[in-house]
Amino acid sequence: MLRDLKCTPGSREPGWYLSLMAPNVKGPKYAWLDPSRLYCHHQAFHDCVEDLIQPFRGEAIDLVAGIDAMGFILGAAIASTLQKGFLAIRKVGHLCVETLQQPYRDYSGRDKLMEVRTDAIGPGLQVLLVDQWVETGGTMQAAAQLVERQGGQVAGIAAICIEDSEGGQRLKQQYRWSHCVPTEMMPQFNAHRLDVNKAQQGSE
């Protein structure tokens, strides 16, 4: 049980909480890994947020924007920790106010639209963009375009993992970025596998 997991400050290795994530058991229509399990563990959630914001401490961030839908969890937590406002970037059709829309293609190859309210971002506003995961980069790139089309500036991007896909690498070249995956673990994440899950399955 998650409540039984204990980890003292001295024993926490970088990204220790990544092992709490659960593998996909429902087939190809779902993401390969479910990070939301680590949010259930208070220390894991805290350490994940702290790791994500570390590169942006002291930076001129005016607003944190979370991307629909799982980016809302990390984005709101980061905004609260940094004592900044939070903006939700939504999938189209959920906002009842005037919006700006941006087409994009998500990690599954589906063409979609996202939108943001037009009264929250102005010229020069520094926005930190947060999502749960960046696989192909299309969703995060569209969110950045929504910010920039309104004159705002992307202060950085943050996610639990920004994969070394073509789109992920392009984002890393364009913007300051932060994620939680240690360098030595990136080959696993790029290959959509997590060795600790295999080890756990093998011990069952």
Protein backbone atom coordinates (compact mmCIF):
# COMPACT_ATOMS: atom_id res chain seq x y z
CA MET A 1 0.00 0.00 0.00
CA LEU A 2 1.15 3.55 -0.72
CA ARG A 3 0.63 4.59 2.89
CA ASP A 4 3.18 1.98 3.95
CA LEU A 5 5.97 3.42 1.79
CA LYS A 6 8.54 5.31 3.80
CA CYS A 7 11.51 7.28 2.56
CA THR A 8 13.73 9.42 4.76
CA PRO A 9 15.42 12.55 3.32
CA GLY A 10 18.85 10.95 3.37
CA SER A 11 17.70 7.90 1.40
CA ARG A 12 15.92 9.72 -1.42
CA GLU A 13 17.74 9.39 -4.73
CA PRO A 14 16.93 11.74 -7.65
CA GLY A 15 13.63 10.68 -9.16
CA TRP A 16 13.06 8.00 -6.50
CA TYR A 17 9.30 8.49 -6.82
CA LEU A 18 9.23 7.44 -10.49
CA SER A 19 9.05 3.81 -9.37
CA LEU A 20 5.58 4.50 -7.96
CA MET A 21 4.12 5.02 -11.43
CA ALA A 22 1.92 2.21 -12.73
CA PRO A 23 2.27 0.49 -16.12
CA ASN A 24 -0.55 0.39 -18.64
CA VAL A 25 -2.70 -2.73 -18.26
CA LYS A 26 -5.55 -1.65 -20.57
CA GLY A 27 -3.99 -1.78 -24.02
CA PRO A 28 -2.82 0.58 -26.79
CA LYS A 29 -5.64 3.13 -26.46
CA TYR A 30 -4.05 4.29 -23.21
CA ALA A 31 -0.73 5.93 -22.36
CA TRP A 32 2.05 3.46 -21.62
CA LEU A 33 2.45 4.60 -18.02
CA ASP A 34 0.20 6.20 -15.41
CA PRO A 35 2.06 8.80 -13.32
CA SER A 36 -0.96 9.69 -11.18
CA ARG A 37 -0.15 6.97 -8.64
CA LEU A 38 2.78 8.97 -7.31
CA TYR A 39 0.43 11.88 -6.51
CA CYS A 40 -1.22 9.65 -3.91
CA HIS A 41 2.04 9.57 -1.91
CA HIS A 42 2.52 12.91 -0.18
CA GLN A 43 6.33 12.83 -0.08
CA ALA A 44 6.56 11.68 -3.69
CA PHE A 45 4.23 14.44 -4.84
CA HIS A 46 6.14 17.04 -2.83
CA ASP A 47 9.54 15.93 -4.15
CA CYS A 48 8.27 15.78 -7.73
CA VAL A 49 7.01 19.38 -7.53
CA GLU A 50 10.22 20.59 -5.88
CA ASP A 51 12.35 18.93 -8.57
CA LEU A 52 10.29 20.52 -11.34
CA ILE A 53 10.51 24.06 -9.99
CA GLN A 54 14.16 23.97 -8.95
CA PRO A 55 15.52 25.34 -12.28
CA PHE A 56 13.00 28.19 -12.16
CA ARG A 57 13.60 29.39 -8.60
CA GLY A 58 14.30 33.12 -8.72
CA GLU A 59 13.14 33.43 -12.33
CA ALA A 60 10.66 36.08 -13.45
CA ILE A 61 7.53 33.94 -13.65
CA ASP A 62 4.21 35.77 -13.61
CA LEU A 63 1.79 32.90 -14.20
CA VAL A 64 1.73 29.10 -14.26
CA ALA A 65 -0.39 27.43 -16.94
CA GLY A 66 -1.44 23.78 -16.74
CA ILE A 67 -2.48 21.82 -19.81
CA ASP A 68 -5.76 19.88 -19.87
CA ALA A 69 -6.17 17.68 -18.08
CA MET A 70 -3.44 16.04 -15.99
CA GLY A 71 -1.27 19.14 -16.24
CA PHE A 72 -3.78 20.80 -13.95
CA ILE A 73 -2.56 18.74 -10.99
CA LEU A 74 1.13 19.57 -11.28
CA GLY A 75 0.48 23.07 -12.59
CA ALA A 76 -1.73 24.06 -9.68
CA ALA A 77 0.72 22.58 -7.17
CA ILE A 78 3.62 24.45 -8.76
CA ALA A 79 1.64 27.70 -8.88
CA SER A 80 0.80 27.38 -5.19
CA THR A 81 4.41 26.59 -4.28
CA LEU A 82 5.72 29.56 -6.29
CA GLN A 83 2.85 31.75 -5.03
CA LYS A 84 1.75 32.55 -8.57
CA GLY A 85 -1.60 32.50 -10.31
CA PHE A 86 -2.77 29.46 -12.24
CA LEU A 87 -4.28 29.37 -15.74
CA ALA A 88 -5.98 26.32 -17.25
CA ILE A 89 -5.32 25.68 -20.95
CA ARG A 90 -8.33 23.62 -22.01
CA LYS A 91 -9.36 21.21 -24.70
CA VAL A 92 -11.81 23.05 -26.92
CA GLY A 93 -15.42 23.42 -25.79
CA HIS A 94 -15.00 23.80 -22.03
CA LEU A 95 -14.69 27.57 -21.58
CA CYS A 96 -17.76 29.83 -21.64
CA VAL A 97 -15.75 33.02 -22.22
CA GLU A 98 -13.97 34.45 -25.27
CA THR A 99 -11.08 32.19 -26.21
CA LEU A 100 -8.17 31.81 -28.57
CA GLN A 101 -7.87 28.39 -30.21
CA GLN A 102 -4.89 26.42 -31.48
CA PRO A 103 -4.90 23.15 -33.47
CA TYR A 104 -2.46 20.41 -32.51
CA ARG A 105 -1.78 16.71 -32.87
CA ASP A 106 -1.49 14.75 -29.64
CA TYR A 107 0.77 11.79 -28.77
CA SER A 108 -1.72 9.33 -30.26
CA GLY A 109 -1.72 11.11 -33.62
CA ARG A 110 -5.20 12.59 -33.26
CA ASP A 111 -5.88 16.13 -34.46
CA LYS A 112 -7.41 18.29 -31.74
CA LEU A 113 -7.99 21.88 -30.66
CA MET A 114 -7.03 23.58 -27.40
CA GLU A 115 -8.08 26.97 -26.17
CA VAL A 116 -7.30 29.59 -23.57
CA ARG A 117 -9.22 32.58 -22.31
CA THR A 118 -8.14 35.84 -23.92
CA ASP A 119 -8.10 38.00 -20.77
CA ALA A 120 -5.31 36.26 -18.84
CA ILE A 121 -2.17 36.68 -20.98
CA GLY A 122 -0.85 40.05 -22.08
CA PRO A 123 2.30 41.32 -23.78
CA GLY A 124 5.46 40.38 -21.91
CA LEU A 125 3.77 38.11 -19.36
CA GLN A 126 6.14 35.31 -18.33
CA VAL A 127 4.30 31.99 -18.34
CA LEU A 128 5.58 28.64 -17.06
CA LEU A 129 3.85 25.82 -18.96
CA VAL A 130 3.20 22.55 -17.13
CA ASP A 131 1.93 19.19 -18.35
CA GLN A 132 2.13 15.72 -16.90
CA TRP A 133 4.12 14.24 -19.80
CA VAL A 134 5.67 15.33 -23.11
CA GLU A 135 5.88 12.48 -25.61
CA THR A 136 5.75 13.86 -29.17
CA GLY A 137 5.64 17.50 -28.07
CA GLY A 138 2.60 18.54 -30.07
CA THR A 139 0.43 19.44 -27.10
CA MET A 140 3.10 21.48 -25.33
CA GLN A 141 4.05 23.25 -28.57
CA ALA A 142 0.43 24.28 -29.12
CA ALA A 143 0.19 25.64 -25.58
CA ALA A 144 3.35 27.67 -26.18
CA GLN A 145 1.83 29.04 -29.39
CA LEU A 146 -1.27 30.15 -27.50
CA VAL A 147 0.90 32.08 -25.06
CA GLU A 148 3.06 33.65 -27.74
CA ARG A 149 0.16 34.58 -30.03
CA GLN A 150 -1.11 36.83 -27.24
CA GLY A 151 2.24 38.50 -26.71
CA GLY A 152 3.22 36.45 -23.69
CA GLN A 153 6.58 34.77 -23.25
CA VAL A 154 7.20 31.15 -22.32
CA ALA A 155 9.36 31.30 -19.22
CA GLY A 156 9.85 27.55 -19.38
CA ILE A 157 8.21 24.16 -19.72
CA ALA A 158 7.94 21.46 -17.07
CA ALA A 159 6.68 17.87 -17.03
CA ILE A 160 7.46 14.65 -15.20
CA CYS A 161 9.15 13.48 -18.40
CA ILE A 162 10.06 15.26 -21.62
CA GLU A 163 10.99 12.44 -23.96
CA ASP A 164 13.87 12.65 -26.43
CA SER A 165 11.50 12.46 -29.38
CA GLU A 166 11.91 14.86 -32.29
CA GLY A 167 9.27 17.13 -30.80
CA GLY A 168 10.65 16.82 -27.28
CA GLN A 169 14.15 17.73 -28.40
CA ARG A 170 12.82 20.70 -30.36
CA LEU A 171 11.06 22.02 -27.25
CA LYS A 172 14.23 21.60 -25.19
CA GLN A 173 16.12 23.68 -27.74
CA GLN A 174 13.45 26.40 -27.79
CA TYR A 175 12.73 26.86 -24.10
CA ARG A 176 14.12 26.44 -20.64
CA TRP A 177 12.85 23.11 -19.38
CA SER A 178 12.62 20.86 -16.40
CA HIS A 179 11.64 17.25 -15.82
CA CYS A 180 12.14 14.58 -13.18
CA VAL A 181 13.88 11.75 -15.02
CA PRO A 182 17.58 11.21 -14.22
CA THR A 183 19.82 11.00 -17.30
CA GLU A 184 20.63 7.34 -16.76
CA MET A 185 16.92 6.44 -16.83
CA MET A 186 16.05 8.29 -20.04
CA PRO A 187 16.68 5.28 -22.34
CA GLN A 188 13.94 3.42 -20.46
CA PHE A 189 11.46 6.26 -20.78
CA ASN A 190 12.28 6.87 -24.43
CA ALA A 191 11.64 3.17 -25.08
CA HIS A 192 8.40 3.29 -23.06
CA ARG A 193 9.47 0.80 -20.48
CA LEU A 194 10.27 0.97 -16.80
CA ASP A 195 12.56 -1.77 -15.55
CA VAL A 196 11.29 -1.53 -11.98
CA ASN A 197 7.82 -2.53 -13.18
CA LYS A 198 9.23 -5.67 -14.85
CA ALA A 199 11.14 -6.51 -11.70
CA GLN A 200 7.99 -6.12 -9.59
CA GLN A 201 5.97 -8.28 -11.98
CA GLY A 202 8.65 -10.94 -11.95
CA SER A 203 8.60 -11.14 -8.15
CA GLU A 204 4.84 -11.66 -7.98
